[in-house]
PDB file of N, CA and C in Angstrom:
ATOM      1  N   MET A   1     -15.551  12.336  29.470  1.00  0.00           N
ATOM      2  CA  MET A   1     -14.281  11.633  29.447  1.00  0.00           C
ATOM      3  C   MET A   1     -14.366  10.391  28.563  1.00  0.00           C
ATOM      4  N   ARG A   2     -15.534   9.797  28.470  1.00  0.00           N
ATOM      5  CA  ARG A   2     -15.694   8.560  27.711  1.00  0.00           C
ATOM      6  C   ARG A   2     -15.427   8.766  26.217  1.00  0.00           C
ATOM      7  N   TRP A   3     -15.820   9.921  25.664  1.00  0.00           N
ATOM      8  CA  TRP A   3     -15.620  10.152  24.242  1.00  0.00           C
ATOM      9  C   TRP A   3     -14.152  10.266  23.895  1.00  0.00           C
ATOM     10  N   TRP A   4     -13.301  10.667  24.853  1.00  0.00           N
ATOM     11  CA  TRP A   4     -11.856  10.689  24.618  1.00  0.00           C
ATOM     12  C   TRP A   4     -11.323   9.274  24.408  1.00  0.00           C
ATOM     13  N   LYS A   5     -11.860   8.343  25.168  1.00  0.00           N
ATOM     14  CA  LYS A   5     -11.451   6.947  25.030  1.00  0.00           C
ATOM     15  C   LYS A   5     -11.841   6.413  23.657  1.00  0.00           C
ATOM     16  N   MET A   6     -13.060   6.729  23.228  1.00  0.00           N
ATOM     17  CA  MET A   6     -13.527   6.280  21.920  1.00  0.00           C
ATOM     18  C   MET A   6     -12.687   6.894  20.804  1.00  0.00           C
ATOM     19  N   LEU A   7     -12.362   8.161  20.945  1.00  0.00           N
ATOM     20  CA  LEU A   7     -11.531   8.839  19.954  1.00  0.00           C
ATOM     21  C   LEU A   7     -10.140   8.209  19.909  1.00  0.00           C
ATOM     22  N   GLY A   8      -9.595   7.898  21.060  1.00  0.00           N
ATOM     23  CA  GLY A   8      -8.280   7.253  21.114  1.00  0.00           C
ATOM     24  C   GLY A   8      -8.297   5.874  20.489  1.00  0.00           C
ATOM     25  N   LEU A   9      -9.321   5.094  20.773  1.00  0.00           N
ATOM     26  CA  LEU A   9      -9.436   3.760  20.166  1.00  0.00           C
ATOM     27  C   LEU A   9      -9.590   3.847  18.655  1.00  0.00           C
ATOM     28  N   ALA A  10     -10.379   4.814  18.193  1.00  0.00           N
ATOM     29  CA  ALA A  10     -10.554   4.996  16.749  1.00  0.00           C
ATOM     30  C   ALA A  10      -9.223   5.368  16.097  1.00  0.00           C
ATOM     31  N   GLY A  11      -8.444   6.200  16.761  1.00  0.00           N
ATOM     32  CA  GLY A  11      -7.132   6.582  16.235  1.00  0.00           C
ATOM     33  C   GLY A  11      -6.185   5.398  16.158  1.00  0.00           C
ATOM     34  N   ILE A  12      -6.168   4.593  17.198  1.00  0.00           N
ATOM     35  CA  ILE A  12      -5.304   3.402  17.213  1.00  0.00           C
ATOM     36  C   ILE A  12      -5.714   2.424  16.122  1.00  0.00           C
ATOM     37  N   MET A  13      -7.012   2.246  15.942  1.00  0.00           N
ATOM     38  CA  MET A  13      -7.489   1.336  14.900  1.00  0.00           C
ATOM     39  C   MET A  13      -7.141   1.868  13.507  1.00  0.00           C
ATOM     40  N   GLY A  14      -7.183   3.172  13.330  1.00  0.00           N
ATOM     41  CA  GLY A  14      -6.803   3.773  12.058  1.00  0.00           C
ATOM     42  C   GLY A  14      -5.333   3.558  11.745  1.00  0.00           C
ATOM     43  N   VAL A  15      -4.495   3.724  12.738  1.00  0.00           N
ATOM     44  CA  VAL A  15      -3.056   3.502  12.556  1.00  0.00           C
ATOM     45  C   VAL A  15      -2.782   2.031  12.222  1.00  0.00           C
ATOM     46  N   ALA A  16      -3.450   1.128  12.910  1.00  0.00           N
ATOM     47  CA  ALA A  16      -3.262  -0.305  12.654  1.00  0.00           C
ATOM     48  C   ALA A  16      -3.727  -0.668  11.243  1.00  0.00           C
ATOM     49  N   ALA A  17      -4.854  -0.129  10.826  1.00  0.00           N
ATOM     50  CA  ALA A  17      -5.368  -0.427   9.484  1.00  0.00           C
ATOM     51  C   ALA A  17      -4.427   0.113   8.415  1.00  0.00           C
ATOM     52  N   THR A  18      -3.879   1.293   8.639  1.00  0.00           N
ATOM     53  CA  THR A  18      -2.922   1.860   7.688  1.00  0.00           C
ATOM     54  C   THR A  18      -1.677   0.981   7.597  1.00  0.00           C
ATOM     55  N   GLY A  19      -1.210   0.485   8.717  1.00  0.00           N
ATOM     56  CA  GLY A  19      -0.045  -0.405   8.718  1.00  0.00           C
ATOM     57  C   GLY A  19      -0.304  -1.685   7.944  1.00  0.00           C
ATOM     58  N   VAL A  20      -1.495  -2.225   8.071  1.00  0.00           N
ATOM     59  CA  VAL A  20      -1.852  -3.443   7.338  1.00  0.00           C
ATOM     60  C   VAL A  20      -1.843  -3.182   5.841  1.00  0.00           C
ATOM     61  N   VAL A  21      -2.405  -2.061   5.428  1.00  0.00           N
ATOM     62  CA  VAL A  21      -2.448  -1.721   3.999  1.00  0.00           C
ATOM     63  C   VAL A  21      -1.040  -1.542   3.447  1.00  0.00           C
ATOM     64  N   ILE A  22      -0.194  -0.867   4.187  1.00  0.00           N
ATOM     65  CA  ILE A  22       1.183  -0.637   3.742  1.00  0.00           C
ATOM     66  C   ILE A  22       1.945  -1.957   3.656  1.00  0.00           C
ATOM     67  N   ALA A  23       1.798  -2.815   4.645  1.00  0.00           N
ATOM     68  CA  ALA A  23       2.493  -4.107   4.638  1.00  0.00           C
ATOM     69  C   ALA A  23       2.027  -4.971   3.474  1.00  0.00           C
ATOM     70  N   ARG A  24       0.733  -4.965   3.195  1.00  0.00           N
ATOM     71  CA  ARG A  24       0.198  -5.757   2.086  1.00  0.00           C
ATOM     72  C   ARG A  24       0.746  -5.251   0.749  1.00  0.00           C
ATOM     73  N   ALA A  25       0.798  -3.946   0.573  1.00  0.00           N
ATOM     74  CA  ALA A  25       1.324  -3.364  -0.670  1.00  0.00           C
ATOM     75  C   ALA A  25       2.811  -3.676  -0.819  1.00  0.00           C
ATOM     76  N   GLU A  26       3.530  -3.638   0.265  1.00  0.00           N
ATOM     77  CA  GLU A  26       4.971  -3.939   0.224  1.00  0.00           C
ATOM     78  C   GLU A  26       5.205  -5.392  -0.162  1.00  0.00           C
ATOM     79  N   ARG A  27       4.431  -6.299   0.385  1.00  0.00           N
ATOM     80  CA  ARG A  27       4.574  -7.719   0.019  1.00  0.00           C
ATOM     81  C   ARG A  27       4.268  -7.933  -1.447  1.00  0.00           C
ATOM     82  N   ARG A  28       3.227  -7.278  -1.934  1.00  0.00           N
ATOM     83  CA  ARG A  28       2.849  -7.412  -3.339  1.00  0.00           C
ATOM     84  C   ARG A  28       3.960  -6.861  -4.230  1.00  0.00           C
ATOM     85  N   ARG A  29       4.567  -5.734  -3.835  1.00  0.00           N
ATOM     86  CA  ARG A  29       5.632  -5.115  -4.628  1.00  0.00           C
ATOM     87  C   ARG A  29       6.876  -5.993  -4.661  1.00  0.00           C
ATOM     88  N   ARG A  30       7.217  -6.587  -3.562  1.00  0.00           N
ATOM     89  CA  ARG A  30       8.428  -7.408  -3.494  1.00  0.00           C
ATOM     90  C   ARG A  30       8.273  -8.772  -4.147  1.00  0.00           C
ATOM     91  N   ALA A  31       7.058  -9.143  -4.501  1.00  0.00           N
ATOM     92  CA  ALA A  31       6.819 -10.448  -5.103  1.00  0.00           C
ATOM     93  C   ALA A  31       7.223 -10.488  -6.579  1.00  0.00           C
ATOM     94  N   TYR A  32       7.462  -9.332  -7.198  1.00  0.00           N
ATOM     95  CA  TYR A  32       7.827  -9.297  -8.609  1.00  0.00           C
ATOM     96  C   TYR A  32       9.287  -9.673  -8.816  1.00  0.00           C
ATOM     97  N   THR A  33       9.549 -10.382  -9.905  1.00  0.00           N
ATOM     98  CA  THR A  33      10.935 -10.657 -10.289  1.00  0.00           C
ATOM     99  C   THR A  33      11.449  -9.445 -11.068  1.00  0.00           C
ATOM    100  N   PRO A  34      12.754  -9.304 -11.182  1.00  0.00           N
ATOM    101  CA  PRO A  34      13.291  -8.175 -11.959  1.00  0.00           C
ATOM    102  C   PRO A  34      12.788  -8.153 -13.407  1.00  0.00           C
ATOM    103  N   GLU A  35      12.608  -9.326 -14.000  1.00  0.00           N
ATOM    104  CA  GLU A  35      12.130  -9.383 -15.387  1.00  0.00           C
ATOM    105  C   GLU A  35      10.694  -8.861 -15.482  1.00  0.00           C
ATOM    106  N   GLU A  36       9.862  -9.210 -14.480  1.00  0.00           N
ATOM    107  CA  GLU A  36       8.482  -8.726 -14.472  1.00  0.00           C
ATOM    108  C   GLU A  36       8.435  -7.208 -14.319  1.00  0.00           C
ATOM    109  N   ILE A  37       9.316  -6.669 -13.502  1.00  0.00           N
ATOM    110  CA  ILE A  37       9.362  -5.225 -13.306  1.00  0.00           C
ATOM    111  C   ILE A  37       9.743  -4.530 -14.610  1.00  0.00           C
ATOM    112  N   LYS A  38      10.760  -5.055 -15.299  1.00  0.00           N
ATOM    113  CA  LYS A  38      11.184  -4.463 -16.572  1.00  0.00           C
ATOM    114  C   LYS A  38      10.050  -4.507 -17.585  1.00  0.00           C
ATOM    115  N   THR A  39       9.358  -5.630 -17.659  1.00  0.00           N
ATOM    116  CA  THR A  39       8.249  -5.773 -18.604  1.00  0.00           C
ATOM    117  C   THR A  39       7.146  -4.769 -18.294  1.00  0.00           C
ATOM    118  N   ARG A  40       6.792  -4.630 -17.026  1.00  0.00           N
ATOM    119  CA  ARG A  40       5.729  -3.693 -16.648  1.00  0.00           C
ATOM    120  C   ARG A  40       6.129  -2.247 -16.930  1.00  0.00           C
ATOM    121  N   LEU A  41       7.385  -1.897 -16.672  1.00  0.00           N
ATOM    122  CA  LEU A  41       7.834  -0.541 -16.952  1.00  0.00           C
ATOM    123  C   LEU A  41       7.796  -0.249 -18.447  1.00  0.00           C
ATOM    124  N   ARG A  42       8.216  -1.215 -19.256  1.00  0.00           N
ATOM    125  CA  ARG A  42       8.179  -1.027 -20.710  1.00  0.00           C
ATOM    126  C   ARG A  42       6.749  -0.862 -21.197  1.00  0.00           C
ATOM    127  N   GLU A  43       5.812  -1.627 -20.631  1.00  0.00           N
ATOM    128  CA  GLU A  43       4.398  -1.507 -21.008  1.00  0.00           C
ATOM    129  C   GLU A  43       3.860  -0.125 -20.633  1.00  0.00           C
ATOM    130  N   ARG A  44       4.265   0.390 -19.490  1.00  0.00           N
ATOM    131  CA  ARG A  44       3.821   1.724 -19.075  1.00  0.00           C
ATOM    132  C   ARG A  44       4.345   2.802 -20.019  1.00  0.00           C
ATOM    133  N   VAL A  45       5.617   2.677 -20.413  1.00  0.00           N
ATOM    134  CA  VAL A  45       6.207   3.659 -21.316  1.00  0.00           C
ATOM    135  C   VAL A  45       5.500   3.624 -22.665  1.00  0.00           C
ATOM    136  N   GLU A  46       5.236   2.426 -23.167  1.00  0.00           N
ATOM    137  CA  GLU A  46       4.533   2.295 -24.444  1.00  0.00           C
ATOM    138  C   GLU A  46       3.124   2.865 -24.336  1.00  0.00           C
ATOM    139  N   GLY A  47       2.461   2.618 -23.227  1.00  0.00           N
ATOM    140  CA  GLY A  47       1.107   3.134 -23.016  1.00  0.00           C
ATOM    141  C   GLY A  47       1.074   4.641 -22.895  1.00  0.00           C
ATOM    142  N   ALA A  48       2.085   5.213 -22.283  1.00  0.00           N
ATOM    143  CA  ALA A  48       2.141   6.670 -22.088  1.00  0.00           C
ATOM    144  C   ALA A  48       2.448   7.393 -23.398  1.00  0.00           C
ATOM    145  N   SER A  49       3.238   6.783 -24.256  1.00  0.00           N
ATOM    146  CA  SER A  49       3.595   7.425 -25.523  1.00  0.00           C
ATOM    147  C   SER A  49       2.493   7.278 -26.563  1.00  0.00           C
ATOM    148  N   SER A  50       1.530   6.392 -26.334  1.00  0.00           N
ATOM    149  CA  SER A  50       0.435   6.205 -27.290  1.00  0.00           C
ATOM    150  C   SER A  50      -0.605   7.295 -27.185  1.00  0.00           C
TER     151      SER A  50
END
């Protein structure tokens, strides 16, 4: 029965860690201004066509 508890705790910790990663990425994404987004997209297009 004890290994079920460990498995459950590992699952909960995995879900929490995934949430932290997603929240961090979302904050980083929202920190860009519209001008920065346009500049980065243009750089990607130029890089892809090269």
